[in-house]
Amino acid sequence: RVIERMLLATMLRIRLETGRTHQIRVHISHSGHPVIGDDYYSRNARGTVKTLPVDIKKHYEYIDNLMERQALHAASLSFRHPVTKEKMSFYAPLPRDMIELIEELRIIKDNYETDNS
């Protein structure tokens, strides 16, 4: 589900069936829009970057290097304990680096829209 569209990225809410980050990375990359910071699966989508206008491409390269990891966050995890069969649920707020990435993406979008309006 789309949460927010920005110039260089779209924030999504994704529900996994298997609980594996690989599942997200493969499907998102296959659509031509890889996860930010995913050096492995973003290789297939790099051709898309070449077609971006120069003023947008420089921002993409900046954002792509901003995080030292994949821009994925598990806000909640639930599973049945393998021994007790009790349902276990865990919740985590967005980490600081993700908040900073989102803020940078919003600034880039706002500046681009202001410059081009």
C-alpha atoms as a PDB file:
ATOM      1  CA  ARG A   1       0.000   0.000   0.000  1.00  0.00           C
ATOM      2  CA  VAL A   2       1.355   3.436  -0.910  1.00  0.00           C
ATOM      3  CA  ILE A   3       1.918   5.613   2.154  1.00  0.00           C
ATOM      4  CA  GLU A   4       3.644   8.577   0.514  1.00  0.00           C
ATOM      5  CA  ARG A   5       4.970   9.395  -2.954  1.00  0.00           C
ATOM      6  CA  MET A   6       8.117  11.463  -3.208  1.00  0.00           C
ATOM      7  CA  LEU A   7      10.263  12.501  -6.152  1.00  0.00           C
ATOM      8  CA  LEU A   8      12.844   9.722  -5.815  1.00  0.00           C
ATOM      9  CA  ALA A   9      11.045   7.142  -3.730  1.00  0.00           C
ATOM     10  CA  THR A  10       7.692   5.891  -2.586  1.00  0.00           C
ATOM     11  CA  MET A  11       7.069   4.829   0.983  1.00  0.00           C
ATOM     12  CA  LEU A  12       5.158   1.547   1.047  1.00  0.00           C
ATOM     13  CA  ARG A  13       3.493  -0.610   3.672  1.00  0.00           C
ATOM     14  CA  ILE A  14       4.053  -4.237   2.748  1.00  0.00           C
ATOM     15  CA  ARG A  15       2.740  -7.330   4.453  1.00  0.00           C
ATOM     16  CA  LEU A  16       4.955 -10.375   4.075  1.00  0.00           C
ATOM     17  CA  GLU A  17       3.759 -13.931   3.888  1.00  0.00           C
ATOM     18  CA  THR A  18       7.129 -15.554   4.587  1.00  0.00           C
ATOM     19  CA  GLY A  19       8.758 -12.883   6.738  1.00  0.00           C
ATOM     20  CA  ARG A  20      11.830 -12.694   4.523  1.00  0.00           C
ATOM     21  CA  THR A  21      13.329  -9.396   3.356  1.00  0.00           C
ATOM     22  CA  HIS A  22      14.398 -11.169   0.165  1.00  0.00           C
ATOM     23  CA  GLN A  23      10.702 -11.412  -0.777  1.00  0.00           C
ATOM     24  CA  ILE A  24      10.336  -7.609  -0.739  1.00  0.00           C
ATOM     25  CA  ARG A  25      13.657  -6.921  -2.400  1.00  0.00           C
ATOM     26  CA  VAL A  26      13.055  -9.245  -5.365  1.00  0.00           C
ATOM     27  CA  HIS A  27       9.513  -8.090  -6.110  1.00  0.00           C
ATOM     28  CA  ILE A  28      10.202  -4.376  -5.707  1.00  0.00           C
ATOM     29  CA  SER A  29      13.351  -4.554  -7.823  1.00  0.00           C
ATOM     30  CA  HIS A  30      11.550  -6.531 -10.517  1.00  0.00           C
ATOM     31  CA  SER A  31       9.079  -3.648 -10.815  1.00  0.00           C
ATOM     32  CA  GLY A  32      12.042  -1.371 -11.674  1.00  0.00           C
ATOM     33  CA  HIS A  33      12.004   0.457  -8.347  1.00  0.00           C
ATOM     34  CA  PRO A  34      14.514  -1.181  -5.976  1.00  0.00           C
ATOM     35  CA  VAL A  35      14.766  -0.633  -2.241  1.00  0.00           C
ATOM     36  CA  ILE A  36      17.102   2.283  -1.445  1.00  0.00           C
ATOM     37  CA  GLY A  37      20.464   0.939  -0.311  1.00  0.00           C
ATOM     38  CA  ASP A  38      19.968  -2.506  -1.833  1.00  0.00           C
ATOM     39  CA  ASP A  39      23.194  -2.907  -3.782  1.00  0.00           C
ATOM     40  CA  TYR A  40      22.418  -6.455  -4.899  1.00  0.00           C
ATOM     41  CA  TYR A  41      18.912  -6.135  -6.329  1.00  0.00           C
ATOM     42  CA  SER A  42      19.220  -2.540  -7.505  1.00  0.00           C
ATOM     43  CA  ARG A  43      21.704  -3.575 -10.206  1.00  0.00           C
ATOM     44  CA  ASN A  44      18.840  -4.612 -12.499  1.00  0.00           C
ATOM     45  CA  ALA A  45      17.141  -1.213 -12.166  1.00  0.00           C
ATOM     46  CA  ARG A  46      20.244   0.968 -12.660  1.00  0.00           C
ATOM     47  CA  GLY A  47      19.344   1.474 -16.324  1.00  0.00           C
ATOM     48  CA  THR A  48      16.309   3.440 -15.173  1.00  0.00           C
ATOM     49  CA  VAL A  49      18.592   5.940 -13.403  1.00  0.00           C
ATOM     50  CA  LYS A  50      20.407   6.685 -16.672  1.00  0.00           C
ATOM     51  CA  THR A  51      17.146   7.984 -18.146  1.00  0.00           C
ATOM     52  CA  LEU A  52      16.490  10.459 -15.310  1.00  0.00           C
ATOM     53  CA  PRO A  53      16.948  14.183 -15.999  1.00  0.00           C
ATOM     54  CA  VAL A  54      20.357  15.419 -14.766  1.00  0.00           C
ATOM     55  CA  ASP A  55      18.898  17.576 -11.983  1.00  0.00           C
ATOM     56  CA  ILE A  56      17.022  14.574 -10.556  1.00  0.00           C
ATOM     57  CA  LYS A  57      19.869  12.091 -11.126  1.00  0.00           C
ATOM     58  CA  LYS A  58      22.218  14.001  -8.784  1.00  0.00           C
ATOM     59  CA  HIS A  59      19.635  13.749  -6.003  1.00  0.00           C
ATOM     60  CA  TYR A  60      19.172  10.028  -6.662  1.00  0.00           C
ATOM     61  CA  GLU A  61      22.900   9.388  -6.320  1.00  0.00           C
ATOM     62  CA  TYR A  62      22.959  11.369  -3.058  1.00  0.00           C
ATOM     63  CA  ILE A  63      19.990   9.461  -1.597  1.00  0.00           C
ATOM     64  CA  ASP A  64      21.322   6.097  -2.784  1.00  0.00           C
ATOM     65  CA  ASN A  65      24.486   6.722  -0.750  1.00  0.00           C
ATOM     66  CA  LEU A  66      22.767   8.234   2.292  1.00  0.00           C
ATOM     67  CA  MET A  67      22.037   4.948   4.063  1.00  0.00           C
ATOM     68  CA  GLU A  68      24.597   2.298   4.827  1.00  0.00           C
ATOM     69  CA  ARG A  69      21.944  -0.408   4.692  1.00  0.00           C
ATOM     70  CA  GLN A  70      18.713  -1.288   2.939  1.00  0.00           C
ATOM     71  CA  ALA A  71      15.869   1.126   3.573  1.00  0.00           C
ATOM     72  CA  LEU A  72      13.632  -1.555   5.057  1.00  0.00           C
ATOM     73  CA  HIS A  73      12.005  -1.487   8.478  1.00  0.00           C
ATOM     74  CA  ALA A  74       9.894  -4.109  10.212  1.00  0.00           C
ATOM     75  CA  ALA A  75       7.423  -2.064  12.254  1.00  0.00           C
ATOM     76  CA  SER A  76       5.867  -5.220  13.654  1.00  0.00           C
ATOM     77  CA  LEU A  77       6.595  -8.919  13.718  1.00  0.00           C
ATOM     78  CA  SER A  78       4.294 -11.678  14.900  1.00  0.00           C
ATOM     79  CA  PHE A  79       4.733 -15.415  15.012  1.00  0.00           C
ATOM     80  CA  ARG A  80       3.866 -18.467  17.085  1.00  0.00           C
ATOM     81  CA  HIS A  81       6.534 -19.587  19.512  1.00  0.00           C
ATOM     82  CA  PRO A  82       7.837 -22.945  18.228  1.00  0.00           C
ATOM     83  CA  VAL A  83       7.598 -24.648  21.631  1.00  0.00           C
ATOM     84  CA  THR A  84       4.791 -22.946  23.578  1.00  0.00           C
ATOM     85  CA  LYS A  85       2.699 -22.066  20.486  1.00  0.00           C
ATOM     86  CA  GLU A  86       2.027 -18.709  22.163  1.00  0.00           C
ATOM     87  CA  LYS A  87       1.553 -15.806  19.739  1.00  0.00           C
ATOM     88  CA  MET A  88       4.537 -13.464  20.029  1.00  0.00           C
ATOM     89  CA  SER A  89       4.275  -9.869  18.776  1.00  0.00           C
ATOM     90  CA  PHE A  90       6.960  -7.207  18.627  1.00  0.00           C
ATOM     91  CA  TYR A  91       6.782  -3.554  17.571  1.00  0.00           C
ATOM     92  CA  ALA A  92       9.556  -1.092  16.748  1.00  0.00           C
ATOM     93  CA  PRO A  93       9.481   2.610  15.864  1.00  0.00           C
ATOM     94  CA  LEU A  94      11.286   3.912  12.785  1.00  0.00           C
ATOM     95  CA  PRO A  95      15.018   4.127  13.454  1.00  0.00           C
ATOM     96  CA  ARG A  96      16.752   7.509  13.271  1.00  0.00           C
ATOM     97  CA  ASP A  97      18.491   6.804   9.934  1.00  0.00           C
ATOM     98  CA  MET A  98      15.150   6.021   8.278  1.00  0.00           C
ATOM     99  CA  ILE A  99      13.574   9.181   9.673  1.00  0.00           C
ATOM    100  CA  GLU A 100      16.501  11.209   8.314  1.00  0.00           C
ATOM    101  CA  LEU A 101      16.209   9.514   4.906  1.00  0.00           C
ATOM    102  CA  ILE A 102      12.484  10.299   4.711  1.00  0.00           C
ATOM    103  CA  GLU A 103      13.119  13.907   5.731  1.00  0.00           C
ATOM    104  CA  GLU A 104      15.778  14.274   3.003  1.00  0.00           C
ATOM    105  CA  LEU A 105      13.444  12.764   0.400  1.00  0.00           C
ATOM    106  CA  ARG A 106      10.705  15.215   1.388  1.00  0.00           C
ATOM    107  CA  ILE A 107      13.100  18.188   1.183  1.00  0.00           C
ATOM    108  CA  ILE A 108      14.252  17.113  -2.300  1.00  0.00           C
ATOM    109  CA  LYS A 109      10.640  16.735  -3.453  1.00  0.00           C
ATOM    110  CA  ASP A 110       9.611  20.116  -2.012  1.00  0.00           C
ATOM    111  CA  ASN A 111      12.624  21.901  -3.498  1.00  0.00           C
ATOM    112  CA  TYR A 112      12.104  20.286  -6.904  1.00  0.00           C
ATOM    113  CA  GLU A 113       8.413  21.203  -6.964  1.00  0.00           C
ATOM    114  CA  THR A 114       9.195  24.793  -5.901  1.00  0.00           C
ATOM    115  CA  ASP A 115      11.912  25.154  -8.565  1.00  0.00           C
ATOM    116  CA  ASN A 116       9.682  23.728 -11.293  1.00  0.00           C
ATOM    117  CA  SER A 117       6.434  25.534 -10.550  1.00  0.00           C
END
